[in-house]
Amino acid sequence: MRLSTVILPIHRWAEGQKIWQRAEDLGFHAAYTYDHLAWRTFRDGPWFGAVPTLTAAAAATRRLRLGTLVTSVKPFSPITV
């Protein structure tokens, strides 16, 4: 069975790195984070961007699959001249 976890992007990287590495050490198959600007009771505290968080997590882990739970994709509209 493959298990995944959610890691909120609320920790500065000195602490966040340990959390992502711990998830890998515990044997989780994947770890996800939210791609929101803020979330519920965390809206008044630190909340870091999903892409920089996942980039740092990729550099700090080896096997853990990474992803976002929600990604706000803006539709591409080509510029015409």
Protein backbone atom coordinates (compact mmCIF):
# COMPACT_ATOMS: atom_id res chain seq x y z
CA MET A 1 0.00 0.00 0.00
CA ARG A 2 1.27 3.47 -0.88
CA LEU A 3 0.57 6.25 1.59
CA SER A 4 0.74 9.98 1.00
CA THR A 5 0.72 12.97 3.32
CA VAL A 6 -0.02 16.68 3.21
CA ILE A 7 2.56 19.17 4.44
CA LEU A 8 1.29 22.70 4.86
CA PRO A 9 3.67 25.42 3.59
CA ILE A 10 3.70 27.27 6.93
CA HIS A 11 7.26 26.58 8.09
CA ARG A 12 10.38 28.51 7.26
CA TRP A 13 12.73 26.22 5.35
CA ALA A 14 15.06 25.48 8.29
CA GLU A 15 12.14 23.64 9.89
CA GLY A 16 10.27 22.71 6.70
CA GLN A 17 13.22 20.77 5.31
CA LYS A 18 13.19 18.49 8.35
CA ILE A 19 9.48 17.84 7.90
CA TRP A 20 9.79 16.89 4.22
CA GLN A 21 12.79 14.67 4.94
CA ARG A 22 10.94 13.05 7.85
CA ALA A 23 8.02 12.21 5.55
CA GLU A 24 10.46 10.43 3.25
CA ASP A 25 12.16 8.67 6.18
CA LEU A 26 8.77 7.42 7.39
CA GLY A 27 8.25 5.76 4.01
CA PHE A 28 5.53 7.94 2.52
CA HIS A 29 5.21 7.46 -1.23
CA ALA A 30 4.20 11.06 -1.90
CA ALA A 31 3.79 14.38 -0.14
CA TYR A 32 1.59 17.22 -1.26
CA THR A 33 1.18 20.87 -0.35
CA TYR A 34 -1.54 23.41 -1.02
CA ASP A 35 -1.33 26.02 -3.74
CA HIS A 36 -3.48 28.63 -2.02
CA LEU A 37 -2.65 32.18 -1.01
CA ALA A 38 -3.89 31.40 2.49
CA TRP A 39 -5.96 28.74 4.19
CA ARG A 40 -8.41 28.88 7.09
CA THR A 41 -6.80 29.60 10.46
CA PHE A 42 -3.37 29.99 8.87
CA ARG A 43 -4.32 33.15 6.95
CA ASP A 44 -2.71 35.48 9.51
CA GLY A 45 0.58 33.58 9.76
CA PRO A 46 3.33 32.67 7.34
CA TRP A 47 2.21 30.84 4.19
CA PHE A 48 4.81 30.09 1.54
CA GLY A 49 4.32 29.47 -2.18
CA ALA A 50 3.79 25.91 -3.39
CA VAL A 51 6.29 25.97 -6.27
CA PRO A 52 9.27 27.25 -4.23
CA THR A 53 8.34 24.85 -1.41
CA LEU A 54 8.20 21.87 -3.77
CA THR A 55 11.44 22.93 -5.46
CA ALA A 56 13.21 23.00 -2.11
CA ALA A 57 11.61 19.67 -1.12
CA ALA A 58 12.83 18.08 -4.36
CA ALA A 59 16.37 19.17 -3.55
CA ALA A 60 16.11 17.84 0.02
CA THR A 61 14.57 14.42 -0.73
CA ARG A 62 15.42 11.53 -3.06
CA ARG A 63 12.45 9.19 -3.50
CA LEU A 64 9.44 11.17 -2.32
CA ARG A 65 6.97 12.07 -5.06
CA LEU A 66 5.83 15.67 -4.79
CA GLY A 67 2.77 17.58 -5.86
CA THR A 68 0.09 20.13 -5.13
CA LEU A 69 -3.41 19.37 -3.95
CA VAL A 70 -4.87 22.39 -5.68
CA THR A 71 -3.22 24.35 -8.45
CA SER A 72 -4.76 27.52 -9.72
CA VAL A 73 -3.98 27.41 -13.40
CA LYS A 74 -4.55 30.54 -15.42
CA PRO A 75 -5.61 29.74 -19.00
CA PHE A 76 -3.04 30.64 -21.62
CA SER A 77 -4.13 33.32 -24.02
CA PRO A 78 -1.71 34.06 -26.85
CA ILE A 79 -0.81 37.66 -27.54
CA THR A 80 -1.58 38.79 -31.05
CA VAL A 81 0.26 41.68 -32.65
